PDB file of all heavy atoms in Angstrom:
ATOM      1  N   LEU A   1      -4.801  -8.377  -8.321  1.00  0.00           N
ATOM      2  CA  LEU A   1      -5.013  -6.942  -8.094  1.00  0.00           C
ATOM      3  C   LEU A   1      -6.233  -6.700  -7.215  1.00  0.00           C
ATOM      4  O   LEU A   1      -6.231  -5.821  -6.346  1.00  0.00           O
ATOM      5  CB  LEU A   1      -5.202  -6.221  -9.424  1.00  0.00           C
ATOM      6  CG  LEU A   1      -3.963  -5.765 -10.184  1.00  0.00           C
ATOM      7  CD1 LEU A   1      -4.375  -4.991 -11.425  1.00  0.00           C
ATOM      8  CD2 LEU A   1      -3.055  -4.914  -9.312  1.00  0.00           C
ATOM      9  N   ASN A   2      -7.295  -7.477  -7.465  1.00  0.00           N
ATOM     10  CA  ASN A   2      -8.510  -7.312  -6.669  1.00  0.00           C
ATOM     11  C   ASN A   2      -8.233  -7.583  -5.193  1.00  0.00           C
ATOM     12  O   ASN A   2      -8.742  -6.874  -4.311  1.00  0.00           O
ATOM     13  CB  ASN A   2      -9.598  -8.259  -7.189  1.00  0.00           C
ATOM     14  CG  ASN A   2     -10.957  -7.938  -6.605  1.00  0.00           C
ATOM     15  OD1 ASN A   2     -11.322  -6.776  -6.432  1.00  0.00           O
ATOM     16  ND2 ASN A   2     -11.730  -8.972  -6.281  1.00  0.00           N
ATOM     17  N   TYR A   3      -7.404  -8.587  -4.924  1.00  0.00           N
ATOM     18  CA  TYR A   3      -7.027  -8.872  -3.538  1.00  0.00           C
ATOM     19  C   TYR A   3      -6.231  -7.698  -2.959  1.00  0.00           C
ATOM     20  O   TYR A   3      -6.474  -7.257  -1.824  1.00  0.00           O
ATOM     21  CB  TYR A   3      -6.183 -10.147  -3.480  1.00  0.00           C
ATOM     22  CG  TYR A   3      -5.655 -10.483  -2.105  1.00  0.00           C
ATOM     23  CD1 TYR A   3      -6.421 -11.182  -1.188  1.00  0.00           C
ATOM     24  CD2 TYR A   3      -4.373 -10.080  -1.726  1.00  0.00           C
ATOM     25  CE1 TYR A   3      -5.932 -11.477   0.074  1.00  0.00           C
ATOM     26  CE2 TYR A   3      -3.869 -10.376  -0.467  1.00  0.00           C
ATOM     27  CZ  TYR A   3      -4.659 -11.073   0.430  1.00  0.00           C
ATOM     28  OH  TYR A   3      -4.174 -11.357   1.684  1.00  0.00           O
ATOM     29  N   LEU A   4      -5.307  -7.160  -3.743  1.00  0.00           N
ATOM     30  CA  LEU A   4      -4.460  -6.062  -3.275  1.00  0.00           C
ATOM     31  C   LEU A   4      -5.291  -4.810  -3.000  1.00  0.00           C
ATOM     32  O   LEU A   4      -5.070  -4.101  -2.011  1.00  0.00           O
ATOM     33  CB  LEU A   4      -3.394  -5.766  -4.330  1.00  0.00           C
ATOM     34  CG  LEU A   4      -2.124  -5.041  -3.895  1.00  0.00           C
ATOM     35  CD1 LEU A   4      -1.353  -5.845  -2.864  1.00  0.00           C
ATOM     36  CD2 LEU A   4      -1.248  -4.759  -5.113  1.00  0.00           C
ATOM     37  N   HIS A   5      -6.275  -4.544  -3.880  1.00  0.00           N
ATOM     38  CA  HIS A   5      -7.081  -3.331  -3.753  1.00  0.00           C
ATOM     39  C   HIS A   5      -8.183  -3.454  -2.707  1.00  0.00           C
ATOM     40  O   HIS A   5      -8.537  -2.459  -2.067  1.00  0.00           O
ATOM     41  CB  HIS A   5      -7.736  -2.993  -5.094  1.00  0.00           C
ATOM     42  CG  HIS A   5      -6.773  -2.523  -6.136  1.00  0.00           C
ATOM     43  ND1 HIS A   5      -7.172  -2.160  -7.414  1.00  0.00           N
ATOM     44  CD2 HIS A   5      -5.424  -2.355  -6.118  1.00  0.00           C
ATOM     45  CE1 HIS A   5      -6.112  -1.795  -8.118  1.00  0.00           C
ATOM     46  NE2 HIS A   5      -5.035  -1.917  -7.359  1.00  0.00           N
ATOM     47  N   SER A   6      -8.732  -4.642  -2.550  1.00  0.00           N
ATOM     48  CA  SER A   6      -9.964  -4.775  -1.766  1.00  0.00           C
ATOM     49  C   SER A   6      -9.832  -5.577  -0.481  1.00  0.00           C
ATOM     50  O   SER A   6     -10.679  -5.448   0.414  1.00  0.00           O
ATOM     51  CB  SER A   6     -11.060  -5.424  -2.627  1.00  0.00           C
ATOM     52  OG  SER A   6     -11.252  -4.713  -3.831  1.00  0.00           O
ATOM     53  N   TYR A   7      -8.790  -6.400  -0.367  1.00  0.00           N
ATOM     54  CA  TYR A   7      -8.757  -7.318   0.767  1.00  0.00           C
ATOM     55  C   TYR A   7      -7.505  -7.192   1.636  1.00  0.00           C
ATOM     56  O   TYR A   7      -7.375  -7.915   2.625  1.00  0.00           O
ATOM     57  CB  TYR A   7      -8.898  -8.765   0.267  1.00  0.00           C
ATOM     58  CG  TYR A   7     -10.224  -9.004  -0.420  1.00  0.00           C
ATOM     59  CD1 TYR A   7     -10.325  -8.985  -1.804  1.00  0.00           C
ATOM     60  CD2 TYR A   7     -11.385  -9.200   0.321  1.00  0.00           C
ATOM     61  CE1 TYR A   7     -11.537  -9.179  -2.442  1.00  0.00           C
ATOM     62  CE2 TYR A   7     -12.600  -9.397  -0.299  1.00  0.00           C
ATOM     63  CZ  TYR A   7     -12.676  -9.384  -1.683  1.00  0.00           C
ATOM     64  OH  TYR A   7     -13.891  -9.577  -2.298  1.00  0.00           O
ATOM     65  N   THR A   8      -6.573  -6.316   1.283  1.00  0.00           N
ATOM     66  CA  THR A   8      -5.459  -6.047   2.191  1.00  0.00           C
ATOM     67  C   THR A   8      -5.854  -4.880   3.083  1.00  0.00           C
ATOM     68  O   THR A   8      -6.702  -4.059   2.721  1.00  0.00           O
ATOM     69  CB  THR A   8      -4.173  -5.697   1.431  1.00  0.00           C
ATOM     70  OG1 THR A   8      -4.408  -4.553   0.593  1.00  0.00           O
ATOM     71  CG2 THR A   8      -3.717  -6.859   0.566  1.00  0.00           C
ATOM     72  N   SER A   9      -5.262  -4.816   4.253  1.00  0.00           N
ATOM     73  CA  SER A   9      -5.588  -3.744   5.192  1.00  0.00           C
ATOM     74  C   SER A   9      -4.311  -3.024   5.632  1.00  0.00           C
ATOM     75  O   SER A   9      -3.500  -3.595   6.362  1.00  0.00           O
ATOM     76  CB  SER A   9      -6.312  -4.313   6.415  1.00  0.00           C
ATOM     77  OG  SER A   9      -6.676  -3.277   7.300  1.00  0.00           O
ATOM     78  N   PRO A  10      -4.117  -1.762   5.161  1.00  0.00           N
ATOM     79  CA  PRO A  10      -4.996  -1.010   4.269  1.00  0.00           C
ATOM     80  C   PRO A  10      -4.845  -1.492   2.827  1.00  0.00           C
ATOM     81  O   PRO A  10      -3.911  -2.230   2.514  1.00  0.00           O
ATOM     82  CB  PRO A  10      -4.471   0.427   4.410  1.00  0.00           C
ATOM     83  CG  PRO A  10      -3.017   0.253   4.690  1.00  0.00           C
ATOM     84  CD  PRO A  10      -2.921  -0.972   5.560  1.00  0.00           C
ATOM     85  N   PRO A  11      -5.768  -1.073   1.936  1.00  0.00           N
ATOM     86  CA  PRO A  11      -5.624  -1.417   0.517  1.00  0.00           C
ATOM     87  C   PRO A  11      -4.315  -0.864  -0.040  1.00  0.00           C
ATOM     88  O   PRO A  11      -3.799   0.145   0.455  1.00  0.00           O
ATOM     89  CB  PRO A  11      -6.833  -0.728  -0.136  1.00  0.00           C
ATOM     90  CG  PRO A  11      -7.798  -0.498   0.979  1.00  0.00           C
ATOM     91  CD  PRO A  11      -6.971  -0.267   2.195  1.00  0.00           C
ATOM     92  N   HIS A  12      -3.790  -1.520  -1.060  1.00  0.00           N
ATOM     93  CA  HIS A  12      -2.519  -1.089  -1.651  1.00  0.00           C
ATOM     94  C   HIS A  12      -2.639  -0.927  -3.167  1.00  0.00           C
ATOM     95  O   HIS A  12      -3.450  -1.592  -3.818  1.00  0.00           O
ATOM     96  CB  HIS A  12      -1.413  -2.096  -1.344  1.00  0.00           C
ATOM     97  CG  HIS A  12      -0.759  -1.875  -0.018  1.00  0.00           C
ATOM     98  ND1 HIS A  12      -1.375  -2.182   1.177  1.00  0.00           N
ATOM     99  CD2 HIS A  12       0.462  -1.340   0.311  1.00  0.00           C
ATOM    100  CE1 HIS A  12      -0.568  -1.880   2.180  1.00  0.00           C
ATOM    101  NE2 HIS A  12       0.545  -1.362   1.684  1.00  0.00           N
ATOM    102  N   VAL A  13      -1.825  -0.021  -3.695  1.00  0.00           N
ATOM    103  CA  VAL A  13      -1.673   0.171  -5.138  1.00  0.00           C
ATOM    104  C   VAL A  13      -0.300  -0.367  -5.519  1.00  0.00           C
ATOM    105  O   VAL A  13       0.699  -0.024  -4.887  1.00  0.00           O
ATOM    106  CB  VAL A  13      -1.775   1.665  -5.514  1.00  0.00           C
ATOM    107  CG1 VAL A  13      -1.651   1.844  -7.021  1.00  0.00           C
ATOM    108  CG2 VAL A  13      -3.080   2.261  -5.010  1.00  0.00           C
ATOM    109  N   HIS A  14      -0.240  -1.208  -6.549  1.00  0.00           N
ATOM    110  CA  HIS A  14       1.042  -1.800  -6.943  1.00  0.00           C
ATOM    111  C   HIS A  14       1.963  -0.762  -7.573  1.00  0.00           C
ATOM    112  O   HIS A  14       3.155  -0.714  -7.284  1.00  0.00           O
ATOM    113  CB  HIS A  14       0.804  -2.953  -7.928  1.00  0.00           C
ATOM    114  CG  HIS A  14       2.039  -3.706  -8.288  1.00  0.00           C
ATOM    115  ND1 HIS A  14       2.899  -3.285  -9.287  1.00  0.00           N
ATOM    116  CD2 HIS A  14       2.576  -4.847  -7.791  1.00  0.00           C
ATOM    117  CE1 HIS A  14       3.918  -4.133  -9.372  1.00  0.00           C
ATOM    118  NE2 HIS A  14       3.737  -5.097  -8.491  1.00  0.00           N
ATOM    119  N   LYS A  15       1.435   0.065  -8.476  1.00  0.00           N
ATOM    120  CA  LYS A  15       2.124   1.189  -9.097  1.00  0.00           C
ATOM    121  C   LYS A  15       3.147   0.821 -10.173  1.00  0.00           C
ATOM    122  O   LYS A  15       3.700   1.710 -10.807  1.00  0.00           O
ATOM    123  CB  LYS A  15       2.818   2.085  -8.056  1.00  0.00           C
ATOM    124  CG  LYS A  15       1.874   2.989  -7.282  1.00  0.00           C
ATOM    125  CD  LYS A  15       2.646   3.986  -6.436  1.00  0.00           C
ATOM    126  CE  LYS A  15       3.377   4.963  -7.318  1.00  0.00           C
ATOM    127  NZ  LYS A  15       4.168   5.932  -6.530  1.00  0.00           N
ATOM    128  N   ASP A  16       3.426  -0.453 -10.376  1.00  0.00           N
ATOM    129  CA  ASP A  16       4.407  -0.797 -11.421  1.00  0.00           C
ATOM    130  C   ASP A  16       4.022  -2.100 -12.113  1.00  0.00           C
ATOM    131  O   ASP A  16       4.847  -2.986 -12.310  1.00  0.00           O
ATOM    132  CB  ASP A  16       5.805  -0.896 -10.819  1.00  0.00           C
ATOM    133  CG  ASP A  16       6.897  -0.835 -11.885  1.00  0.00           C
ATOM    134  OD1 ASP A  16       6.609  -0.358 -12.994  1.00  0.00           O
ATOM    135  OD2 ASP A  16       8.031  -1.266 -11.623  1.00  0.00           O
ATOM    136  N   LEU A  17       2.759  -2.200 -12.500  1.00  0.00           N
ATOM    137  CA  LEU A  17       2.274  -3.396 -13.185  1.00  0.00           C
ATOM    138  C   LEU A  17       2.776  -3.377 -14.625  1.00  0.00           C
ATOM    139  O   LEU A  17       2.536  -2.424 -15.366  1.00  0.00           O
ATOM    140  CB  LEU A  17       0.747  -3.411 -13.151  1.00  0.00           C
ATOM    141  CG  LEU A  17       0.045  -4.739 -13.402  1.00  0.00           C
ATOM    142  CD1 LEU A  17       0.328  -5.716 -12.276  1.00  0.00           C
ATOM    143  CD2 LEU A  17      -1.452  -4.518 -13.550  1.00  0.00           C
ATOM    144  N   ASN A  18       3.503  -4.407 -15.039  1.00  0.00           N
ATOM    145  CA  ASN A  18       3.961  -4.521 -16.419  1.00  0.00           C
ATOM    146  C   ASN A  18       4.300  -5.974 -16.723  1.00  0.00           C
ATOM    147  O   ASN A  18       4.278  -6.827 -15.831  1.00  0.00           O
ATOM    148  CB  ASN A  18       5.166  -3.609 -16.677  1.00  0.00           C
ATOM    149  CG  ASN A  18       6.346  -3.923 -15.797  1.00  0.00           C
ATOM    150  OD1 ASN A  18       6.882  -5.034 -15.815  1.00  0.00           O
ATOM    151  ND2 ASN A  18       6.781  -2.949 -15.000  1.00  0.00           N
ATOM    152  N   LEU A  19       4.616  -6.269 -17.975  1.00  0.00           N
ATOM    153  CA  LEU A  19       4.865  -7.651 -18.399  1.00  0.00           C
ATOM    154  C   LEU A  19       5.981  -8.317 -17.603  1.00  0.00           C
ATOM    155  O   LEU A  19       5.910  -9.505 -17.285  1.00  0.00           O
ATOM    156  CB  LEU A  19       5.218  -7.683 -19.886  1.00  0.00           C
ATOM    157  CG  LEU A  19       4.083  -7.493 -20.890  1.00  0.00           C
ATOM    158  CD1 LEU A  19       4.642  -7.428 -22.296  1.00  0.00           C
ATOM    159  CD2 LEU A  19       3.059  -8.616 -20.785  1.00  0.00           C
ATOM    160  N   SER A  20       7.031  -7.556 -17.284  1.00  0.00           N
ATOM    161  CA  SER A  20       8.174  -8.140 -16.580  1.00  0.00           C
ATOM    162  C   SER A  20       7.875  -8.443 -15.126  1.00  0.00           C
ATOM    163  O   SER A  20       8.555  -9.263 -14.507  1.00  0.00           O
ATOM    164  CB  SER A  20       9.377  -7.194 -16.677  1.00  0.00           C
ATOM    165  OG  SER A  20       9.776  -7.027 -18.019  1.00  0.00           O
ATOM    166  N   ASN A  21       6.872  -7.762 -14.552  1.00  0.00           N
ATOM    167  CA  ASN A  21       6.522  -7.978 -13.156  1.00  0.00           C
ATOM    168  C   ASN A  21       5.381  -8.970 -12.975  1.00  0.00           C
ATOM    169  O   ASN A  21       4.816  -9.077 -11.883  1.00  0.00           O
ATOM    170  CB  ASN A  21       6.174  -6.641 -12.487  1.00  0.00           C
ATOM    171  CG  ASN A  21       7.399  -5.783 -12.260  1.00  0.00           C
ATOM    172  OD1 ASN A  21       8.514  -6.293 -12.186  1.00  0.00           O
ATOM    173  ND2 ASN A  21       7.209  -4.478 -12.149  1.00  0.00           N
ATOM    174  N   ILE A  22       5.026  -9.689 -14.030  1.00  0.00           N
ATOM    175  CA  ILE A  22       4.086 -10.806 -13.944  1.00  0.00           C
ATOM    176  C   ILE A  22       4.886 -12.077 -14.212  1.00  0.00           C
ATOM    177  O   ILE A  22       5.469 -12.240 -15.283  1.00  0.00           O
ATOM    178  CB  ILE A  22       2.946 -10.679 -14.977  1.00  0.00           C
ATOM    179  CG1 ILE A  22       2.231  -9.332 -14.845  1.00  0.00           C
ATOM    180  CG2 ILE A  22       1.972 -11.839 -14.821  1.00  0.00           C
ATOM    181  CD1 ILE A  22       1.609  -9.084 -13.489  1.00  0.00           C
ATOM    182  N   LEU A  23       4.931 -12.966 -13.220  1.00  0.00           N
ATOM    183  CA  LEU A  23       5.698 -14.205 -13.341  1.00  0.00           C
ATOM    184  C   LEU A  23       4.755 -15.390 -13.533  1.00  0.00           C
ATOM    185  O   LEU A  23       3.630 -15.393 -13.008  1.00  0.00           O
ATOM    186  CB  LEU A  23       6.559 -14.409 -12.091  1.00  0.00           C
ATOM    187  CG  LEU A  23       7.539 -13.275 -11.758  1.00  0.00           C
ATOM    188  CD1 LEU A  23       8.331 -13.615 -10.496  1.00  0.00           C
ATOM    189  CD2 LEU A  23       8.481 -12.995 -12.918  1.00  0.00           C
ATOM    190  N   LEU A  24       5.237 -16.388 -14.266  1.00  0.00           N
ATOM    191  CA  LEU A  24       4.429 -17.573 -14.557  1.00  0.00           C
ATOM    192  C   LEU A  24       5.029 -18.788 -13.864  1.00  0.00           C
ATOM    193  O   LEU A  24       6.232 -19.051 -13.982  1.00  0.00           O
ATOM    194  CB  LEU A  24       4.375 -17.822 -16.069  1.00  0.00           C
ATOM    195  CG  LEU A  24       3.827 -16.675 -16.927  1.00  0.00           C
ATOM    196  CD1 LEU A  24       3.882 -17.053 -18.407  1.00  0.00           C
ATOM    197  CD2 LEU A  24       2.402 -16.319 -16.519  1.00  0.00           C
ATOM    198  N   ASP A  25       4.195 -19.535 -13.153  1.00  0.00           N
ATOM    199  CA  ASP A  25       4.687 -20.723 -12.458  1.00  0.00           C
ATOM    200  C   ASP A  25       4.735 -21.909 -13.426  1.00  0.00           C
ATOM    201  O   ASP A  25       4.550 -21.766 -14.637  1.00  0.00           O
ATOM    202  CB  ASP A  25       3.848 -21.020 -11.215  1.00  0.00           C
ATOM    203  CG  ASP A  25       2.410 -21.438 -11.543  1.00  0.00           C
ATOM    204  OD1 ASP A  25       2.099 -21.678 -12.738  1.00  0.00           O
ATOM    205  OD2 ASP A  25       1.596 -21.529 -10.605  1.00  0.00           O
ATOM    206  N   GLY A  26       4.969 -23.115 -12.893  1.00  0.00           N
ATOM    207  CA  GLY A  26       5.099 -24.302 -13.728  1.00  0.00           C
ATOM    208  C   GLY A  26       3.855 -24.634 -14.510  1.00  0.00           C
ATOM    209  O   GLY A  26       3.918 -25.306 -15.553  1.00  0.00           O
ATOM    210  N   ASP A  27       2.693 -24.175 -14.051  1.00  0.00           N
ATOM    211  CA  ASP A  27       1.429 -24.418 -14.738  1.00  0.00           C
ATOM    212  C   ASP A  27       0.974 -23.220 -15.561  1.00  0.00           C
ATOM    213  O   ASP A  27      -0.196 -23.150 -15.966  1.00  0.00           O
ATOM    214  CB  ASP A  27       0.342 -24.776 -13.717  1.00  0.00           C
ATOM    215  CG  ASP A  27       0.660 -26.054 -12.956  1.00  0.00           C
ATOM    216  OD1 ASP A  27       1.160 -27.001 -13.603  1.00  0.00           O
ATOM    217  OD2 ASP A  27       0.431 -26.090 -11.727  1.00  0.00           O
ATOM    218  N   LEU A  28       1.875 -22.257 -15.768  1.00  0.00           N
ATOM    219  CA  LEU A  28       1.581 -21.032 -16.514  1.00  0.00           C
ATOM    220  C   LEU A  28       0.490 -20.195 -15.857  1.00  0.00           C
ATOM    221  O   LEU A  28      -0.273 -19.493 -16.538  1.00  0.00           O
ATOM    222  CB  LEU A  28       1.203 -21.358 -17.973  1.00  0.00           C
ATOM    223  CG  LEU A  28       2.315 -21.972 -18.830  1.00  0.00           C
ATOM    224  CD1 LEU A  28       1.772 -22.341 -20.210  1.00  0.00           C
ATOM    225  CD2 LEU A  28       3.480 -21.001 -18.981  1.00  0.00           C
TER     226      LEU A  28
END
């Protein structure tokens, strides 16, 4: 989120952060 808010140009808001929209890779 910090990258999305502070380091993208322009900054972006995700607007739909929830458990289903967080994915876990092979290392969790």
